[in-house]
Protein backbone atom coordinates (compact mmCIF):
# COMPACT_ATOMS: atom_id res chain seq x y z
CA MET A 1 1.76 86.50 48.42
CA PRO A 2 -1.48 85.91 46.51
CA VAL A 3 -1.03 85.03 42.87
CA PHE A 4 -3.10 87.06 40.45
CA PRO A 5 -4.08 85.52 37.18
CA GLU A 6 -2.30 86.82 34.19
CA GLU A 7 -4.21 89.32 32.17
CA PRO A 8 -4.98 88.22 28.64
CA GLU A 9 -2.73 89.70 26.06
CA ILE A 10 -4.49 92.37 24.04
CA HIS A 11 -3.49 92.43 20.40
CA GLU A 12 -3.61 95.69 18.55
CA SER A 13 -6.20 95.52 15.83
CA LEU A 14 -6.44 97.57 12.72
CA PRO A 15 -8.68 100.67 12.87
CA GLY A 16 -11.92 100.47 11.01
CA PRO A 17 -12.91 102.71 8.10
CA GLY A 18 -12.72 106.41 8.87
CA VAL A 19 -10.42 105.85 11.85
CA PRO A 20 -7.01 107.48 11.35
CA PHE A 21 -3.90 105.38 11.72
CA HIS A 22 -1.65 106.15 14.53
CA ARG A 23 1.29 106.40 12.23
CA GLU A 24 1.68 107.00 8.50
CA SER A 25 4.00 104.04 8.21
CA ASP A 26 1.22 101.79 9.38
CA ALA A 27 -1.00 102.78 6.48
CA GLN A 28 1.81 102.31 3.95
CA ALA A 29 2.61 98.90 5.32
CA LEU A 30 -0.99 97.85 4.92
CA ASN A 31 -1.24 98.96 1.29
CA ALA A 32 2.21 97.70 0.24
CA PRO A 33 2.13 94.21 -1.32
CA ALA A 34 4.18 91.54 0.39
CA THR A 35 7.24 90.45 -1.59
CA GLY A 36 7.69 86.76 -2.33
CA GLY A 37 4.43 85.70 -0.72
CA THR A 38 0.69 85.84 -0.94
CA PRO A 39 -1.14 88.87 0.48
CA ALA A 40 -2.56 88.08 3.86
CA THR A 41 -6.29 87.87 3.82
CA ALA A 42 -8.80 87.19 6.42
CA SER A 43 -9.44 83.78 4.97
CA SER A 44 -5.76 82.82 5.16
CA THR A 45 -5.55 83.58 8.83
CA ALA A 46 -8.75 81.79 9.72
CA PRO A 47 -8.36 78.21 10.89
CA SER A 48 -9.13 75.72 8.09
CA THR A 49 -11.43 72.81 8.55
CA VAL A 50 -10.24 69.49 7.01
CA ALA A 51 -13.10 67.67 5.30
CA ALA A 52 -13.51 63.98 6.11
CA PRO A 53 -12.70 61.67 3.17
CA VAL A 54 -15.74 60.44 1.34
CA PRO A 55 -15.67 56.66 0.89
CA GLY A 56 -15.52 55.75 -2.76
CA PRO A 57 -17.07 52.79 -4.52
CA ARG A 58 -16.03 49.28 -3.49
CA GLN A 59 -13.21 47.74 -5.38
CA ALA A 60 -14.19 45.11 -7.91
CA PRO A 61 -13.03 41.53 -7.22
CA ARG A 62 -9.50 40.89 -8.37
CA PRO A 63 -9.31 39.03 -11.64
CA ALA A 64 -8.01 35.47 -11.56
CA PRO A 65 -4.32 35.11 -12.38
CA PRO A 66 -3.55 34.09 -15.94
CA GLY A 67 -3.54 30.36 -16.47
CA ALA A 68 -5.89 29.64 -13.57
CA ALA A 69 -8.24 26.75 -14.21
CA LYS A 70 -11.79 27.78 -14.87
CA PRO A 71 -14.55 25.64 -13.45
CA GLY A 72 -15.95 23.49 -16.20
CA PRO A 73 -18.59 20.82 -16.46
CA PRO A 74 -18.19 17.81 -14.14
CA ARG A 75 -16.10 15.01 -15.52
CA PRO A 76 -17.97 11.82 -16.37
CA ILE A 77 -17.38 8.94 -14.00
CA PRO A 78 -15.63 6.12 -15.88
CA LYS A 79 -17.53 2.89 -15.97
CA PRO A 80 -15.83 -0.12 -14.43
CA GLY A 81 -14.28 -2.31 -17.08
CA PRO A 82 -14.11 -6.08 -17.12
CA ARG A 83 -12.23 -7.63 -14.24
CA ARG A 84 -8.79 -8.89 -14.97
CA PRO A 85 -8.32 -12.56 -14.24
CA ALA A 86 -6.28 -13.31 -11.15
CA PRO A 87 -2.72 -14.43 -11.85
CA ALA A 88 -2.54 -18.17 -12.17
CA ALA A 89 -0.83 -20.04 -9.39
CA PRO A 90 2.49 -21.61 -10.27
CA GLN A 91 1.86 -24.99 -11.85
CA VAL A 92 3.08 -28.03 -9.97
CA GLU A 93 5.21 -30.45 -11.95
CA VAL A 94 4.01 -34.06 -11.80
CA ARG A 95 6.43 -36.95 -12.31
CA ARG A 96 5.34 -40.57 -12.35
CA ILE A 97 7.16 -43.73 -11.36
CA ALA A 98 5.50 -46.91 -12.55
CA ALA A 99 5.09 -49.38 -9.72
CA GLY A 100 2.59 -51.85 -8.33
CA PRO A 101 1.26 -51.74 -4.79
CA ALA A 102 3.94 -54.17 -3.61
CA GLN A 103 6.82 -52.11 -5.00
CA ALA A 104 5.46 -48.60 -4.41
CA LEU A 105 7.13 -48.14 -1.01
CA GLU A 106 10.53 -49.19 -2.32
CA ARG A 107 10.25 -46.89 -5.33
CA ALA A 108 9.20 -44.02 -3.07
CA ASP A 109 12.23 -44.49 -0.80
CA GLU A 110 14.51 -44.44 -3.84
CA ALA A 111 12.86 -41.24 -5.05
CA VAL A 112 13.36 -39.58 -1.65
CA ASP A 113 17.06 -40.56 -1.66
CA GLN A 114 17.49 -39.06 -5.13
CA LEU A 115 15.79 -35.84 -4.06
CA LEU A 116 18.07 -35.50 -1.04
CA ASP A 117 21.16 -36.27 -3.12
CA ALA A 118 20.11 -33.55 -5.56
CA GLY A 119 20.13 -30.98 -2.73
CA ARG A 120 16.50 -30.88 -1.69
CA ASP A 121 15.86 -29.76 1.88
CA PRO A 122 14.55 -32.71 3.96
CA GLY A 123 12.08 -30.39 5.63
CA GLN A 124 10.48 -29.70 2.25
CA ILE A 125 9.61 -33.33 1.43
CA LEU A 126 6.32 -34.96 2.41
CA VAL A 127 5.64 -38.67 1.81
CA LEU A 128 1.99 -39.76 1.75
CA THR A 129 0.77 -43.35 1.59
CA VAL A 130 -2.59 -44.52 0.24
CA GLY A 131 -2.54 -48.01 1.79
CA GLU A 132 -0.57 -49.22 4.81
CA ALA A 133 1.42 -46.63 6.74
CA HIS A 134 5.08 -46.23 5.86
CA PRO A 135 7.41 -48.16 8.21
CA TRP A 136 9.11 -44.91 9.21
CA GLN A 137 5.76 -43.41 10.17
CA GLN A 138 4.97 -46.45 12.30
CA HIS A 139 8.33 -46.05 14.02
CA GLU A 140 7.77 -42.39 14.88
CA VAL A 141 4.21 -42.91 16.09
CA SER A 142 5.49 -45.57 18.53
CA PHE A 143 7.04 -42.74 20.58
CA GLY A 144 3.70 -41.01 20.96
CA GLU A 145 1.35 -38.93 18.85
CA GLU A 146 2.52 -35.67 20.39
CA ARG A 147 6.12 -36.23 19.41
CA TYR A 148 5.08 -37.43 15.97
CA TRP A 149 3.10 -34.29 15.11
CA ALA A 150 5.74 -32.07 16.66
CA GLN A 151 8.11 -33.17 13.91
CA LEU A 152 5.63 -31.88 11.34
CA ALA A 153 5.47 -28.50 13.03
CA GLU A 154 9.27 -28.27 13.31
CA GLY A 155 9.71 -29.05 9.61
CA GLY A 156 13.28 -30.22 9.94
CA ASP A 157 13.07 -33.64 8.30
CA VAL A 158 11.12 -35.74 5.79
CA PHE A 159 7.64 -36.33 7.17
CA TYR A 160 5.65 -39.54 6.53
CA ALA A 161 1.87 -39.57 6.91
CA ASP A 162 -1.35 -41.06 5.62
CA ALA A 163 -2.67 -39.39 2.48
CA LYS A 164 -5.90 -38.42 4.22
CA PHE A 165 -4.38 -36.83 7.35
CA GLY A 166 -6.25 -33.63 8.21
CA ARG A 167 -3.42 -31.21 8.98
CA GLN A 168 -3.08 -28.12 6.78
CA THR A 169 0.43 -28.75 5.48
CA ARG A 170 2.14 -27.83 2.22
CA ARG A 171 5.68 -28.62 1.12
CA GLU A 172 7.74 -28.13 -2.00
CA VAL A 173 7.84 -31.86 -2.88
CA VAL A 174 5.16 -34.46 -2.18
CA VAL A 175 5.78 -38.14 -2.86
CA LEU A 176 2.53 -40.11 -3.20
CA VAL A 177 2.85 -43.85 -2.53
CA VAL A 178 -0.01 -45.88 -4.04
CA ASN A 179 0.64 -49.03 -2.05
CA GLY A 180 -2.93 -50.32 -1.76
CA GLY A 181 -6.56 -49.35 -1.55
CA PRO A 182 -9.25 -49.02 -4.22
CA ALA A 183 -8.80 -46.92 -7.34
CA ALA A 184 -11.30 -44.33 -6.08
CA ARG A 185 -9.25 -43.81 -2.95
CA ALA A 186 -6.08 -43.46 -5.05
CA ALA A 187 -7.77 -40.79 -7.16
CA GLU A 188 -8.77 -38.84 -4.03
CA ALA A 189 -5.25 -39.16 -2.63
CA TYR A 190 -3.82 -37.83 -5.89
CA ALA A 191 -5.96 -34.67 -5.67
CA GLU A 192 -5.01 -34.16 -2.01
CA ALA A 193 -1.30 -34.65 -2.71
CA LEU A 194 -1.43 -32.25 -5.66
CA GLY A 195 -2.97 -29.59 -3.42
CA ARG A 196 -0.20 -29.97 -0.85
CA ALA A 197 2.73 -29.73 -3.29
CA THR A 198 4.06 -26.31 -4.25
CA ALA A 199 6.68 -27.37 -6.82
CA LEU A 200 6.83 -31.11 -7.50
CA LEU A 201 4.57 -34.15 -7.10
CA VAL A 202 6.07 -37.62 -7.50
CA VAL A 203 3.51 -40.39 -7.94
CA CYS A 204 4.73 -43.92 -7.25
CA GLY A 205 2.04 -46.21 -8.66
CA ASP A 206 -1.27 -45.77 -10.45
CA ALA A 207 -3.13 -42.64 -9.37
CA GLY A 208 -4.43 -39.51 -11.00
CA PRO A 209 -6.10 -38.76 -14.32
CA ALA A 210 -3.15 -40.10 -16.35
CA ALA A 211 -2.86 -43.34 -14.42
CA GLY A 212 -2.97 -46.33 -16.76
CA ALA A 213 -2.90 -44.12 -19.87
CA ALA A 214 0.76 -43.11 -20.02
CA PRO A 215 2.48 -44.29 -23.21
CA GLY A 216 5.13 -46.95 -22.74
CA ARG A 217 3.81 -47.79 -19.31
CA ARG A 218 5.74 -50.64 -17.71
CA GLY A 219 4.29 -53.58 -15.94
CA ALA A 220 3.23 -53.31 -12.33
CA GLY A 221 6.23 -55.22 -11.07
CA ALA A 222 8.82 -53.65 -13.35
CA ARG A 223 11.39 -51.20 -12.08
CA SER A 224 10.81 -47.62 -13.22
CA ASP A 225 13.37 -45.24 -14.72
CA ARG A 226 15.51 -43.22 -12.36
CA LEU A 227 13.79 -40.09 -11.11
CA LYS A 228 15.21 -36.94 -12.65
CA VAL A 229 15.46 -34.12 -10.12
C-alpha cells in the first residue's frame, strides 16, 4: 500500500480579541494566575538566544614568587691576584765521606754495604764514578752493552755507571765516587748526581760547592767516619 505522509499536527490557538471562547472554562483558565509559578508569557515560550561570551582584557603577568632574585647590576670580574709559588721539591740530603781519588772507590763500596744493611732497596741505589769506571761496571759491560743497560731498565740491583752517562735515570740514593779527573769535571758530576737523587746523595771525595771547605776535614788518605743511614 502507498504510504501517505503524516499530516502536521495542528495546535489549537487562542482566539483573538472579539472572538468568543468555545467554552467559559477556557476564558477563566486564561485569566486565572498560575499557582507556584510565573505567568506564561509570549517571551517565556519563545526560544532564547545565548549570547557569545565577550573576551575580557588579557591577564596581567603573574608576579614573581616571594624571595625570587631580582636582576641586578653585573658583578665585577675579580682581577687575577699574584701567582702562588709552586711547592718546593723535596730537598735531597747530602752526606760527605772524605777520601782521596785512590780511596774513593773503597769508601763508596763501604757506603753501599751500609745502605743495604740498613734496609735500602738495591734497585734504588745508583753509583756514579767521575774517573775510571767501577770494577763492577767493567764486569757487567764485558757481557755486552745490551745486557748492561737492560739491568738499568729492570731496576733490580745496584747500578754502576759513569757520572756523565746520558740515560734519564733517577733513584732514591746516588753515591758519587770522585776517583779522578779535574776539579771542574768533579763539580759537573756533583750537579748531575744531585739531579738524579730523590732522597740522598753520598759524595765520596772532593766535589760540590762545599768540597774543601767542610770544617774538620780529614786528609785525603784518611779513613772517613762511618756513614749514618
